[in-house]
Amino acid sequence: MDFSNIDWADIAQATFDTLTMTGVSLVFTVLLGLPLGVLLFLTARGQLLEQRGVYGVLSLVVNVLRSLPFIILLIVMIPVTLALVGTSLGVEGTIPPLVAATTPFFARLVENVLREVDRGVIEACQSMGAKTHQIVINALLPEALPGLLAAGTVTTIALVSYAAMSGVIGGGGLGDLALRYGYQRFQTDVMLVTVAILVVLVQLLQFCGDRLVRHFTRK
């Protein structure tokens, strides 16, 4: 295999675009998904703010968004993306669908992580007169931190995968490069390089995530 014809500047730019899409989308996903996940947990049956109606509506919205394949979501959200950022192409046009796809995914992971927190922690806080927001901030989230970091790692890796898929509609990044050169122009060398970069990127993310989880897990 001859790699001498590869434009490494294009590879570097595509990698940077993929990292940008993933990083920016992750920030918005956490900002939106963490409160949503906490709210799902709090309003569920038997929890601090039990509201079956609210939980039912939120759960339905989360499930509907999670059930849509990302490629379809990319297309369905084109009008919304145009209204938000002015384009449905490139890095900017990919971020809104990425956030819409991973926010409900992350929120559901957060809800499941919080359910694993020992009920005795909540009861101890209640016995000391702590309010709901104090229990969440000072007890639930710190206790669930390793699980939340693991959920964040899974979500970040999903974002990398979705960012690559966005290349189908001109979303930029490694997916777009692989599609234009590796598929449409039959440059197998470009395809192999982009796949290798994605594999390495995912391995690094998983490694860093695992290290963080081990660091914050109580011995």
N, C-alpha and C. Protein backbone atom coordinates (compact mmCIF):
# COMPACT_ATOMS: atom_id res chain seq x y z
N MET A 1 0.84 -1.20 0.00
CA MET A 1 0.00 0.00 0.00
C MET A 1 0.89 1.26 0.00
N ASP A 2 0.64 2.14 -0.97
CA ASP A 2 1.43 3.36 -1.11
C ASP A 2 0.71 4.52 -0.44
N PHE A 3 1.33 5.08 0.61
CA PHE A 3 0.72 6.19 1.33
C PHE A 3 1.33 7.53 0.93
N SER A 4 2.17 7.52 -0.09
CA SER A 4 2.87 8.75 -0.47
C SER A 4 1.96 9.78 -1.10
N ASN A 5 0.81 9.36 -1.65
CA ASN A 5 -0.08 10.29 -2.33
C ASN A 5 -1.11 10.92 -1.40
N ILE A 6 -1.06 10.57 -0.13
CA ILE A 6 -2.02 11.12 0.82
C ILE A 6 -1.67 12.56 1.15
N ASP A 7 -2.68 13.40 1.16
CA ASP A 7 -2.49 14.79 1.58
C ASP A 7 -2.63 14.84 3.10
N TRP A 8 -1.50 14.84 3.78
CA TRP A 8 -1.53 14.78 5.24
C TRP A 8 -2.08 16.05 5.87
N ALA A 9 -2.03 17.15 5.14
CA ALA A 9 -2.64 18.39 5.64
C ALA A 9 -4.16 18.23 5.72
N ASP A 10 -4.75 17.57 4.73
CA ASP A 10 -6.19 17.29 4.76
C ASP A 10 -6.54 16.35 5.91
N ILE A 11 -5.69 15.35 6.12
CA ILE A 11 -5.90 14.41 7.23
C ILE A 11 -5.88 15.15 8.56
N ALA A 12 -4.88 16.03 8.73
CA ALA A 12 -4.76 16.78 9.98
C ALA A 12 -5.96 17.69 10.19
N GLN A 13 -6.41 18.37 9.13
CA GLN A 13 -7.57 19.26 9.24
C GLN A 13 -8.83 18.47 9.57
N ALA A 14 -8.99 17.32 8.92
CA ALA A 14 -10.17 16.49 9.18
C ALA A 14 -10.17 15.97 10.62
N THR A 15 -8.99 15.61 11.11
CA THR A 15 -8.89 15.15 12.50
C THR A 15 -9.24 16.29 13.46
N PHE A 16 -8.72 17.47 13.18
CA PHE A 16 -9.03 18.63 14.03
C PHE A 16 -10.53 18.93 14.01
N ASP A 17 -11.15 18.84 12.83
CA ASP A 17 -12.60 19.09 12.72
C ASP A 17 -13.39 18.06 13.53
N THR A 18 -12.97 16.81 13.47
CA THR A 18 -13.66 15.77 14.23
C THR A 18 -13.53 16.01 15.73
N LEU A 19 -12.34 16.39 16.17
CA LEU A 19 -12.12 16.69 17.59
C LEU A 19 -12.93 17.91 18.02
N THR A 20 -13.03 18.91 17.13
CA THR A 20 -13.82 20.11 17.44
C THR A 20 -15.29 19.76 17.59
N MET A 21 -15.82 19.00 16.63
CA MET A 21 -17.22 18.60 16.70
C MET A 21 -17.50 17.81 17.97
N THR A 22 -16.60 16.90 18.29
CA THR A 22 -16.78 16.06 19.47
C THR A 22 -16.70 16.88 20.75
N GLY A 23 -15.70 17.74 20.86
CA GLY A 23 -15.49 18.52 22.07
C GLY A 23 -16.61 19.51 22.34
N VAL A 24 -16.97 20.29 21.32
CA VAL A 24 -18.04 21.29 21.50
C VAL A 24 -19.37 20.61 21.79
N SER A 25 -19.66 19.54 21.06
CA SER A 25 -20.92 18.82 21.28
C SER A 25 -20.97 18.20 22.67
N LEU A 26 -19.82 17.71 23.15
CA LEU A 26 -19.78 17.11 24.48
C LEU A 26 -20.10 18.14 25.56
N VAL A 27 -19.59 19.34 25.41
CA VAL A 27 -19.87 20.40 26.39
C VAL A 27 -21.38 20.65 26.48
N PHE A 28 -22.02 20.84 25.33
CA PHE A 28 -23.46 21.10 25.33
C PHE A 28 -24.25 19.88 25.78
N THR A 29 -23.76 18.69 25.45
CA THR A 29 -24.44 17.47 25.87
C THR A 29 -24.45 17.35 27.40
N VAL A 30 -23.32 17.65 28.02
CA VAL A 30 -23.24 17.58 29.49
C VAL A 30 -24.10 18.67 30.12
N LEU A 31 -24.03 19.88 29.57
CA LEU A 31 -24.80 20.99 30.13
C LEU A 31 -26.31 20.73 30.07
N LEU A 32 -26.75 20.05 29.02
CA LEU A 32 -28.18 19.77 28.87
C LEU A 32 -28.56 18.40 29.45
N GLY A 33 -27.70 17.42 29.23
CA GLY A 33 -28.05 16.06 29.61
C GLY A 33 -27.96 15.79 31.10
N LEU A 34 -27.00 16.42 31.79
CA LEU A 34 -26.86 16.18 33.22
C LEU A 34 -28.08 16.66 34.00
N PRO A 35 -28.55 17.91 33.80
CA PRO A 35 -29.77 18.34 34.50
C PRO A 35 -30.99 17.50 34.10
N LEU A 36 -31.06 17.12 32.83
CA LEU A 36 -32.20 16.31 32.38
C LEU A 36 -32.17 14.94 33.05
N GLY A 37 -30.99 14.35 33.16
CA GLY A 37 -30.87 13.05 33.82
C GLY A 37 -31.22 13.13 35.30
N VAL A 38 -30.77 14.20 35.95
CA VAL A 38 -31.09 14.40 37.37
C VAL A 38 -32.60 14.57 37.54
N LEU A 39 -33.22 15.33 36.63
CA LEU A 39 -34.67 15.55 36.72
C LEU A 39 -35.43 14.25 36.49
N LEU A 40 -34.97 13.43 35.56
CA LEU A 40 -35.59 12.12 35.34
C LEU A 40 -35.51 11.27 36.61
N PHE A 41 -34.37 11.31 37.26
CA PHE A 41 -34.19 10.54 38.49
C PHE A 41 -35.10 11.05 39.60
N LEU A 42 -35.13 12.36 39.79
CA LEU A 42 -35.88 12.95 40.90
C LEU A 42 -37.38 12.77 40.76
N THR A 43 -37.89 12.79 39.52
CA THR A 43 -39.34 12.71 39.31
C THR A 43 -39.84 11.28 39.12
N ALA A 44 -38.93 10.31 39.16
CA ALA A 44 -39.34 8.91 39.00
C ALA A 44 -40.08 8.43 40.25
N ARG A 45 -40.73 7.30 40.12
CA ARG A 45 -41.52 6.74 41.23
C ARG A 45 -40.63 6.47 42.44
N GLY A 46 -41.08 6.95 43.60
CA GLY A 46 -40.39 6.69 44.85
C GLY A 46 -39.21 7.59 45.12
N GLN A 47 -39.00 8.62 44.27
CA GLN A 47 -37.87 9.51 44.47
C GLN A 47 -38.29 10.82 45.13
N LEU A 48 -37.35 11.72 45.29
CA LEU A 48 -37.56 12.92 46.10
C LEU A 48 -38.67 13.83 45.57
N LEU A 49 -38.77 13.96 44.25
CA LEU A 49 -39.76 14.85 43.65
C LEU A 49 -40.70 14.05 42.75
N GLU A 50 -41.20 12.96 43.24
CA GLU A 50 -42.01 12.06 42.41
C GLU A 50 -43.15 12.80 41.71
N GLN A 51 -43.08 12.78 40.38
CA GLN A 51 -44.12 13.37 39.54
C GLN A 51 -44.27 12.47 38.32
N ARG A 52 -45.23 11.57 38.39
CA ARG A 52 -45.34 10.57 37.32
C ARG A 52 -45.65 11.20 35.97
N GLY A 53 -46.44 12.26 35.96
CA GLY A 53 -46.77 12.92 34.70
C GLY A 53 -45.54 13.55 34.06
N VAL A 54 -44.77 14.28 34.86
CA VAL A 54 -43.55 14.92 34.36
C VAL A 54 -42.55 13.87 33.89
N TYR A 55 -42.39 12.83 34.69
CA TYR A 55 -41.46 11.77 34.32
C TYR A 55 -41.89 11.09 33.03
N GLY A 56 -43.19 10.87 32.88
CA GLY A 56 -43.69 10.21 31.68
C GLY A 56 -43.40 11.02 30.42
N VAL A 57 -43.61 12.34 30.51
CA VAL A 57 -43.38 13.21 29.35
C VAL A 57 -41.89 13.25 29.02
N LEU A 58 -41.05 13.47 30.04
CA LEU A 58 -39.60 13.53 29.80
C LEU A 58 -39.08 12.21 29.26
N SER A 59 -39.55 11.11 29.83
CA SER A 59 -39.10 9.80 29.40
C SER A 59 -39.50 9.54 27.95
N LEU A 60 -40.71 9.98 27.57
CA LEU A 60 -41.18 9.80 26.20
C LEU A 60 -40.30 10.58 25.22
N VAL A 61 -40.01 11.83 25.55
CA VAL A 61 -39.16 12.66 24.68
C VAL A 61 -37.79 12.04 24.51
N VAL A 62 -37.20 11.59 25.64
CA VAL A 62 -35.88 10.96 25.60
C VAL A 62 -35.90 9.70 24.75
N ASN A 63 -36.93 8.89 24.91
CA ASN A 63 -37.00 7.63 24.16
C ASN A 63 -37.21 7.87 22.67
N VAL A 64 -38.02 8.88 22.33
CA VAL A 64 -38.25 9.19 20.92
C VAL A 64 -36.96 9.63 20.24
N LEU A 65 -36.22 10.52 20.89
CA LEU A 65 -34.96 11.00 20.31
C LEU A 65 -33.93 9.88 20.22
N ARG A 66 -33.91 9.01 21.22
CA ARG A 66 -32.94 7.90 21.21
C ARG A 66 -33.29 6.86 20.15
N SER A 67 -34.56 6.79 19.76
CA SER A 67 -34.98 5.76 18.80
C SER A 67 -34.66 6.14 17.36
N LEU A 68 -34.36 7.43 17.11
CA LEU A 68 -34.07 7.87 15.75
C LEU A 68 -32.63 7.56 15.36
N PRO A 69 -32.39 6.83 14.28
CA PRO A 69 -31.01 6.64 13.80
C PRO A 69 -30.39 8.00 13.50
N PHE A 70 -29.09 8.13 13.78
CA PHE A 70 -28.45 9.44 13.68
C PHE A 70 -28.51 10.01 12.26
N ILE A 71 -28.38 9.16 11.25
CA ILE A 71 -28.45 9.64 9.87
C ILE A 71 -29.79 10.30 9.59
N ILE A 72 -30.86 9.68 10.06
CA ILE A 72 -32.20 10.25 9.87
C ILE A 72 -32.34 11.55 10.65
N LEU A 73 -31.82 11.58 11.88
CA LEU A 73 -31.88 12.78 12.70
C LEU A 73 -31.15 13.94 12.03
N LEU A 74 -30.02 13.65 11.40
CA LEU A 74 -29.27 14.68 10.67
C LEU A 74 -30.15 15.35 9.63
N ILE A 75 -30.90 14.54 8.89
CA ILE A 75 -31.74 15.07 7.81
C ILE A 75 -32.95 15.78 8.35
N VAL A 76 -33.61 15.18 9.35
CA VAL A 76 -34.81 15.77 9.93
C VAL A 76 -34.52 17.14 10.54
N MET A 77 -33.32 17.29 11.12
CA MET A 77 -32.99 18.52 11.82
C MET A 77 -32.41 19.62 10.93
N ILE A 78 -32.32 19.40 9.63
CA ILE A 78 -31.74 20.42 8.75
C ILE A 78 -32.41 21.78 8.90
N PRO A 79 -33.75 21.89 8.92
CA PRO A 79 -34.36 23.22 9.12
C PRO A 79 -34.00 23.85 10.46
N VAL A 80 -33.98 23.03 11.51
CA VAL A 80 -33.62 23.54 12.84
C VAL A 80 -32.16 23.99 12.86
N THR A 81 -31.29 23.18 12.26
CA THR A 81 -29.87 23.52 12.21
C THR A 81 -29.64 24.81 11.45
N LEU A 82 -30.34 24.98 10.33
CA LEU A 82 -30.23 26.22 9.55
C LEU A 82 -30.67 27.43 10.38
N ALA A 83 -31.73 27.26 11.15
CA ALA A 83 -32.21 28.37 11.98
C ALA A 83 -31.24 28.70 13.10
N LEU A 84 -30.55 27.69 13.63
CA LEU A 84 -29.66 27.91 14.77
C LEU A 84 -28.30 28.45 14.36
N VAL A 85 -27.69 27.86 13.34
CA VAL A 85 -26.31 28.23 12.99
C VAL A 85 -26.16 28.75 11.57
N GLY A 86 -27.23 28.73 10.77
CA GLY A 86 -27.17 29.30 9.44
C GLY A 86 -26.67 28.37 8.35
N THR A 87 -26.30 27.15 8.69
CA THR A 87 -25.84 26.18 7.71
C THR A 87 -26.07 24.78 8.24
N SER A 88 -26.23 23.83 7.30
CA SER A 88 -26.37 22.43 7.71
C SER A 88 -25.14 21.63 7.31
N LEU A 89 -24.10 22.33 6.84
CA LEU A 89 -22.87 21.67 6.39
C LEU A 89 -21.71 22.03 7.30
N GLY A 90 -20.64 21.26 7.20
CA GLY A 90 -19.42 21.56 7.94
C GLY A 90 -19.55 21.30 9.42
N VAL A 91 -18.55 21.76 10.15
CA VAL A 91 -18.50 21.55 11.59
C VAL A 91 -19.69 22.20 12.29
N GLU A 92 -19.97 23.45 11.93
CA GLU A 92 -21.07 24.17 12.58
C GLU A 92 -22.41 23.49 12.36
N GLY A 93 -22.64 23.00 11.15
CA GLY A 93 -23.92 22.38 10.85
C GLY A 93 -24.10 21.00 11.44
N THR A 94 -23.03 20.42 11.95
CA THR A 94 -23.10 19.07 12.52
C THR A 94 -23.35 19.10 14.03
N ILE A 95 -22.94 20.17 14.69
CA ILE A 95 -23.02 20.21 16.15
C ILE A 95 -24.45 20.11 16.69
N PRO A 96 -25.45 20.86 16.18
CA PRO A 96 -26.81 20.72 16.73
C PRO A 96 -27.37 19.30 16.65
N PRO A 97 -27.25 18.60 15.51
CA PRO A 97 -27.74 17.21 15.51
C PRO A 97 -26.96 16.30 16.46
N LEU A 98 -25.66 16.53 16.59
CA LEU A 98 -24.88 15.74 17.53
C LEU A 98 -25.39 15.92 18.95
N VAL A 99 -25.64 17.16 19.33
CA VAL A 99 -26.15 17.45 20.68
C VAL A 99 -27.53 16.82 20.88
N ALA A 100 -28.38 16.94 19.86
CA ALA A 100 -29.73 16.38 19.95
C ALA A 100 -29.70 14.86 20.07
N ALA A 101 -28.71 14.23 19.46
CA ALA A 101 -28.63 12.76 19.49
C ALA A 101 -28.07 12.25 20.81
N THR A 102 -27.08 12.96 21.35
CA THR A 102 -26.39 12.43 22.53
C THR A 102 -26.93 12.94 23.86
N THR A 103 -27.65 14.06 23.86
CA THR A 103 -28.20 14.57 25.12
C THR A 103 -29.17 13.58 25.77
N PRO A 104 -30.17 13.06 25.04
CA PRO A 104 -31.06 12.07 25.69
C PRO A 104 -30.34 10.78 26.06
N PHE A 105 -29.36 10.40 25.26
CA PHE A 105 -28.55 9.21 25.56
C PHE A 105 -27.80 9.40 26.88
N PHE A 106 -27.14 10.54 27.03
CA PHE A 106 -26.40 10.83 28.25
C PHE A 106 -27.34 10.98 29.44
N ALA A 107 -28.49 11.62 29.22
CA ALA A 107 -29.45 11.82 30.30
C ALA A 107 -29.93 10.49 30.87
N ARG A 108 -30.19 9.54 30.00
CA ARG A 108 -30.64 8.23 30.47
C ARG A 108 -29.52 7.51 31.23
N LEU A 109 -28.29 7.67 30.78
CA LEU A 109 -27.16 7.09 31.51
C LEU A 109 -27.04 7.72 32.89
N VAL A 110 -27.20 9.02 32.97
CA VAL A 110 -27.13 9.73 34.25
C VAL A 110 -28.21 9.21 35.19
N GLU A 111 -29.42 9.07 34.68
CA GLU A 111 -30.52 8.56 35.51
C GLU A 111 -30.18 7.19 36.07
N ASN A 112 -29.66 6.31 35.23
CA ASN A 112 -29.32 4.95 35.68
C ASN A 112 -28.19 4.95 36.69
N VAL A 113 -27.20 5.85 36.50
CA VAL A 113 -26.10 5.95 37.46
C VAL A 113 -26.61 6.41 38.82
N LEU A 114 -27.48 7.40 38.84
CA LEU A 114 -28.01 7.92 40.10
C LEU A 114 -28.86 6.88 40.83
N ARG A 115 -29.51 6.02 40.10
CA ARG A 115 -30.30 4.96 40.72
C ARG A 115 -29.43 3.98 41.50
N GLU A 116 -28.16 3.91 41.11
CA GLU A 116 -27.24 2.97 41.77
C GLU A 116 -26.67 3.52 43.08
N VAL A 117 -26.90 4.81 43.36
CA VAL A 117 -26.41 5.39 44.60
C VAL A 117 -27.18 4.79 45.78
N ASP A 118 -26.47 4.46 46.81
CA ASP A 118 -27.08 3.86 48.00
C ASP A 118 -28.20 4.75 48.54
N ARG A 119 -29.38 4.15 48.70
CA ARG A 119 -30.54 4.90 49.20
C ARG A 119 -30.27 5.47 50.59
N GLY A 120 -29.40 4.81 51.34
CA GLY A 120 -29.09 5.28 52.68
C GLY A 120 -28.44 6.65 52.69
N VAL A 121 -27.71 6.98 51.62
CA VAL A 121 -27.09 8.31 51.53
C VAL A 121 -28.17 9.39 51.49
N ILE A 122 -29.21 9.17 50.69
CA ILE A 122 -30.30 10.13 50.59
C ILE A 122 -31.05 10.23 51.91
N GLU A 123 -31.31 9.09 52.53
CA GLU A 123 -32.05 9.10 53.80
C GLU A 123 -31.25 9.80 54.90
N ALA A 124 -29.94 9.63 54.89
CA ALA A 124 -29.11 10.30 55.89
C ALA A 124 -29.17 11.82 55.71
N CYS A 125 -29.15 12.27 54.48
CA CYS A 125 -29.24 13.70 54.21
C CYS A 125 -30.60 14.25 54.62
N GLN A 126 -31.66 13.50 54.34
CA GLN A 126 -33.00 13.93 54.73
C GLN A 126 -33.14 14.02 56.24
N SER A 127 -32.51 13.08 56.95
CA SER A 127 -32.61 13.09 58.40
C SER A 127 -31.93 14.30 59.02
N MET A 128 -30.97 14.88 58.27
CA MET A 128 -30.28 16.08 58.74
C MET A 128 -30.94 17.35 58.24
N GLY A 129 -32.09 17.22 57.58
CA GLY A 129 -32.84 18.38 57.14
C GLY A 129 -32.38 18.99 55.83
N ALA A 130 -31.59 18.27 55.06
CA ALA A 130 -31.09 18.81 53.79
C ALA A 130 -32.23 18.93 52.79
N LYS A 131 -32.19 20.00 52.01
CA LYS A 131 -33.19 20.20 50.96
C LYS A 131 -32.77 19.41 49.71
N THR A 132 -33.72 19.32 48.78
CA THR A 132 -33.49 18.50 47.59
C THR A 132 -32.26 18.93 46.82
N HIS A 133 -32.11 20.24 46.58
CA HIS A 133 -30.96 20.70 45.80
C HIS A 133 -29.65 20.45 46.55
N GLN A 134 -29.70 20.50 47.88
CA GLN A 134 -28.50 20.20 48.66
C GLN A 134 -28.14 18.73 48.58
N ILE A 135 -29.16 17.87 48.59
CA ILE A 135 -28.91 16.43 48.48
C ILE A 135 -28.29 16.11 47.13
N VAL A 136 -28.82 16.73 46.07
CA VAL A 136 -28.32 16.47 44.72
C VAL A 136 -26.87 16.93 44.58
N ILE A 137 -26.59 18.16 44.99
CA ILE A 137 -25.26 18.75 44.78
C ILE A 137 -24.22 18.17 45.72
N ASN A 138 -24.58 17.98 46.99
CA ASN A 138 -23.60 17.59 48.00
C ASN A 138 -23.51 16.09 48.27
N ALA A 139 -24.49 15.34 47.80
CA ALA A 139 -24.49 13.90 48.09
C ALA A 139 -24.59 13.05 46.83
N LEU A 140 -25.67 13.24 46.07
CA LEU A 140 -25.91 12.37 44.92
C LEU A 140 -24.80 12.45 43.87
N LEU A 141 -24.52 13.66 43.41
CA LEU A 141 -23.53 13.81 42.34
C LEU A 141 -22.13 13.39 42.77
N PRO A 142 -21.67 13.79 43.98
CA PRO A 142 -20.34 13.30 44.39
C PRO A 142 -20.28 11.78 44.52
N GLU A 143 -21.33 11.16 45.06
CA GLU A 143 -21.34 9.71 45.20
C GLU A 143 -21.35 9.02 43.84
N ALA A 144 -22.00 9.65 42.88
CA ALA A 144 -22.14 9.03 41.56
C ALA A 144 -21.04 9.43 40.59
N LEU A 145 -20.05 10.19 41.04
CA LEU A 145 -19.03 10.74 40.13
C LEU A 145 -18.33 9.68 39.27
N PRO A 146 -17.85 8.56 39.83
CA PRO A 146 -17.21 7.56 38.96
C PRO A 146 -18.14 7.06 37.86
N GLY A 147 -19.39 6.81 38.22
CA GLY A 147 -20.36 6.36 37.22
C GLY A 147 -20.65 7.42 36.18
N LEU A 148 -20.69 8.67 36.61
CA LEU A 148 -20.94 9.77 35.67
C LEU A 148 -19.77 9.93 34.70
N LEU A 149 -18.55 9.75 35.20
CA LEU A 149 -17.38 9.81 34.34
C LEU A 149 -17.39 8.67 33.32
N ALA A 150 -17.81 7.50 33.76
CA ALA A 150 -17.92 6.37 32.84
C ALA A 150 -18.99 6.65 31.78
N ALA A 151 -20.10 7.24 32.21
CA ALA A 151 -21.16 7.60 31.25
C ALA A 151 -20.67 8.64 30.26
N GLY A 152 -19.87 9.60 30.76
CA GLY A 152 -19.31 10.61 29.89
C GLY A 152 -18.36 10.02 28.86
N THR A 153 -17.60 9.01 29.27
CA THR A 153 -16.68 8.34 28.35
C THR A 153 -17.45 7.64 27.24
N VAL A 154 -18.49 6.91 27.61
CA VAL A 154 -19.32 6.21 26.62
C VAL A 154 -19.95 7.23 25.65
N THR A 155 -20.42 8.34 26.19
CA THR A 155 -21.06 9.36 25.36
C THR A 155 -20.05 10.00 24.42
N THR A 156 -18.84 10.26 24.89
CA THR A 156 -17.81 10.86 24.04
C THR A 156 -17.46 9.96 22.87
N ILE A 157 -17.34 8.67 23.14
CA ILE A 157 -17.04 7.71 22.07
C ILE A 157 -18.20 7.64 21.07
N ALA A 158 -19.43 7.71 21.57
CA ALA A 158 -20.59 7.75 20.67
C ALA A 158 -20.55 9.01 19.80
N LEU A 159 -20.12 10.12 20.37
CA LEU A 159 -20.00 11.36 19.61
C LEU A 159 -18.99 11.24 18.48
N VAL A 160 -17.87 10.58 18.76
CA VAL A 160 -16.87 10.37 17.70
C VAL A 160 -17.48 9.58 16.56
N SER A 161 -18.23 8.54 16.89
CA SER A 161 -18.88 7.72 15.87
C SER A 161 -19.90 8.53 15.07
N TYR A 162 -20.73 9.32 15.77
CA TYR A 162 -21.73 10.14 15.09
C TYR A 162 -21.07 11.21 14.23
N ALA A 163 -19.99 11.81 14.74
CA ALA A 163 -19.29 12.83 13.98
C ALA A 163 -18.75 12.26 12.67
N ALA A 164 -18.26 11.03 12.72
CA ALA A 164 -17.78 10.38 11.49
C ALA A 164 -18.94 10.13 10.52
N MET A 165 -20.09 9.74 11.06
CA MET A 165 -21.26 9.48 10.21
C MET A 165 -21.77 10.74 9.53
N SER A 166 -21.56 11.88 10.16
CA SER A 166 -22.06 13.14 9.59
C SER A 166 -21.41 13.46 8.25
N GLY A 167 -20.30 12.80 7.94
CA GLY A 167 -19.66 13.01 6.64
C GLY A 167 -20.55 12.66 5.47
N VAL A 168 -21.58 11.84 5.70
CA VAL A 168 -22.49 11.44 4.64
C VAL A 168 -23.22 12.64 4.04
N ILE A 169 -23.50 13.65 4.86
CA ILE A 169 -24.19 14.84 4.35
C ILE A 169 -23.27 16.07 4.37
N GLY A 170 -21.98 15.83 4.27
CA GLY A 170 -21.04 16.95 4.20
C GLY A 170 -20.74 17.59 5.52
N GLY A 171 -20.73 16.79 6.58
CA GLY A 171 -20.51 17.33 7.90
C GLY A 171 -19.06 17.65 8.22
N GLY A 172 -18.15 17.28 7.33
CA GLY A 172 -16.73 17.54 7.60
C GLY A 172 -16.12 16.48 8.47
N GLY A 173 -14.84 16.64 8.76
CA GLY A 173 -14.14 15.70 9.63
C GLY A 173 -13.68 14.45 8.91
N LEU A 174 -13.29 13.47 9.68
CA LEU A 174 -12.73 12.23 9.13
C LEU A 174 -13.74 11.44 8.32
N GLY A 175 -15.00 11.47 8.73
CA GLY A 175 -16.03 10.76 7.98
C GLY A 175 -16.21 11.32 6.58
N ASP A 176 -16.22 12.63 6.48
CA ASP A 176 -16.35 13.29 5.18
C ASP A 176 -15.15 12.97 4.30
N LEU A 177 -13.96 12.99 4.88
CA LEU A 177 -12.74 12.69 4.13
C LEU A 177 -12.75 11.25 3.62
N ALA A 178 -13.15 10.33 4.49
CA ALA A 178 -13.21 8.92 4.10
C ALA A 178 -14.23 8.70 2.99
N LEU A 179 -15.33 9.41 3.05
CA LEU A 179 -16.37 9.26 2.03
C LEU A 179 -15.92 9.82 0.69
N ARG A 180 -15.37 11.02 0.70
CA ARG A 180 -14.99 11.68 -0.56
C ARG A 180 -13.81 11.02 -1.24
N TYR A 181 -12.80 10.67 -0.46
CA TYR A 181 -11.59 10.10 -1.05
C TYR A 181 -11.58 8.57 -1.02
N GLY A 182 -11.91 8.01 0.12
CA GLY A 182 -11.83 6.57 0.26
C GLY A 182 -12.90 5.83 -0.49
N TYR A 183 -14.13 6.39 -0.52
CA TYR A 183 -15.25 5.70 -1.16
C TYR A 183 -15.49 6.18 -2.59
N GLN A 184 -15.68 7.50 -2.76
CA GLN A 184 -16.02 8.02 -4.07
C GLN A 184 -14.85 7.98 -5.06
N ARG A 185 -13.62 8.13 -4.57
CA ARG A 185 -12.45 8.14 -5.46
C ARG A 185 -11.61 6.86 -5.34
N PHE A 186 -12.10 5.92 -4.57
CA PHE A 186 -11.45 4.61 -4.42
C PHE A 186 -9.99 4.71 -3.94
N GLN A 187 -9.72 5.69 -3.06
CA GLN A 187 -8.38 5.80 -2.48
C GLN A 187 -8.37 5.04 -1.16
N THR A 188 -8.06 3.76 -1.26
CA THR A 188 -8.10 2.88 -0.10
C THR A 188 -7.13 3.34 0.98
N ASP A 189 -6.01 3.93 0.57
CA ASP A 189 -5.03 4.38 1.56
C ASP A 189 -5.62 5.45 2.48
N VAL A 190 -6.40 6.37 1.92
CA VAL A 190 -7.05 7.41 2.74
C VAL A 190 -8.05 6.78 3.70
N MET A 191 -8.81 5.81 3.19
CA MET A 191 -9.78 5.12 4.03
C MET A 191 -9.10 4.43 5.21
N LEU A 192 -8.00 3.75 4.94
CA LEU A 192 -7.29 3.03 6.00
C LEU A 192 -6.73 3.99 7.05
N VAL A 193 -6.20 5.12 6.60
CA VAL A 193 -5.64 6.10 7.54
C VAL A 193 -6.73 6.68 8.43
N THR A 194 -7.88 7.03 7.84
CA THR A 194 -8.97 7.60 8.64
C THR A 194 -9.50 6.58 9.64
N VAL A 195 -9.61 5.33 9.22
CA VAL A 195 -10.07 4.27 10.15
C VAL A 195 -9.07 4.11 11.28
N ALA A 196 -7.78 4.11 10.95
CA ALA A 196 -6.75 3.96 11.97
C ALA A 196 -6.79 5.10 12.98
N ILE A 197 -6.99 6.33 12.49
CA ILE A 197 -7.05 7.49 13.39
C ILE A 197 -8.26 7.38 14.32
N LEU A 198 -9.40 6.96 13.77
CA LEU A 198 -10.61 6.82 14.59
C LEU A 198 -10.42 5.74 15.66
N VAL A 199 -9.79 4.64 15.29
CA VAL A 199 -9.55 3.56 16.25
C VAL A 199 -8.64 4.05 17.38
N VAL A 200 -7.56 4.73 17.01
CA VAL A 200 -6.63 5.25 18.01
C VAL A 200 -7.32 6.27 18.91
N LEU A 201 -8.13 7.13 18.31
CA LEU A 201 -8.84 8.16 19.08
C LEU A 201 -9.77 7.53 20.11
N VAL A 202 -10.52 6.53 19.68
CA VAL A 202 -11.45 5.86 20.61
C VAL A 202 -10.69 5.15 21.72
N GLN A 203 -9.58 4.51 21.38
CA GLN A 203 -8.78 3.82 22.40
C GLN A 203 -8.23 4.81 23.43
N LEU A 204 -7.78 5.96 22.96
CA LEU A 204 -7.26 6.98 23.88
C LEU A 204 -8.35 7.51 24.79
N LEU A 205 -9.52 7.76 24.22
CA LEU A 205 -10.64 8.25 25.03
C LEU A 205 -11.05 7.23 26.09
N GLN A 206 -11.11 5.97 25.69
CA GLN A 206 -11.48 4.92 26.65
C GLN A 206 -10.43 4.79 27.74
N PHE A 207 -9.18 4.86 27.36
CA PHE A 207 -8.09 4.76 28.33
C PHE A 207 -8.16 5.90 29.34
N CYS A 208 -8.31 7.12 28.85
CA CYS A 208 -8.38 8.29 29.74
C CYS A 208 -9.61 8.21 30.63
N GLY A 209 -10.74 7.79 30.06
CA GLY A 209 -11.95 7.66 30.85
C GLY A 209 -11.82 6.63 31.96
N ASP A 210 -11.22 5.49 31.62
CA ASP A 210 -11.02 4.44 32.63
C ASP A 210 -10.09 4.91 33.75
N ARG A 211 -9.06 5.66 33.38
CA ARG A 211 -8.13 6.18 34.39
C ARG A 211 -8.84 7.15 35.33
N LEU A 212 -9.68 8.00 34.79
CA LEU A 212 -10.43 8.96 35.62
C LEU A 212 -11.38 8.23 36.56
N VAL A 213 -12.06 7.22 36.03
CA VAL A 213 -12.99 6.46 36.87
C VAL A 213 -12.25 5.80 38.02
N ARG A 214 -11.12 5.17 37.74
CA ARG A 214 -10.35 4.52 38.80
C ARG A 214 -9.83 5.53 39.82
N HIS A 215 -9.45 6.71 39.34
CA HIS A 215 -8.92 7.74 40.24
C HIS A 215 -9.98 8.21 41.23
N PHE A 216 -11.20 8.36 40.76
CA PHE A 216 -12.25 8.92 41.62
C PHE A 216 -13.10 7.85 42.31
N THR A 217 -12.79 6.60 42.05
CA THR A 217 -13.50 5.53 42.77
C THR A 217 -12.88 5.35 44.15
N ARG A 218 -13.73 5.37 45.14
CA ARG A 218 -13.25 5.23 46.51
C ARG A 218 -12.72 3.83 46.75
N LYS A 219 -11.56 3.75 47.32
CA LYS A 219 -10.94 2.47 47.61
C LYS A 219 -11.64 1.82 48.82
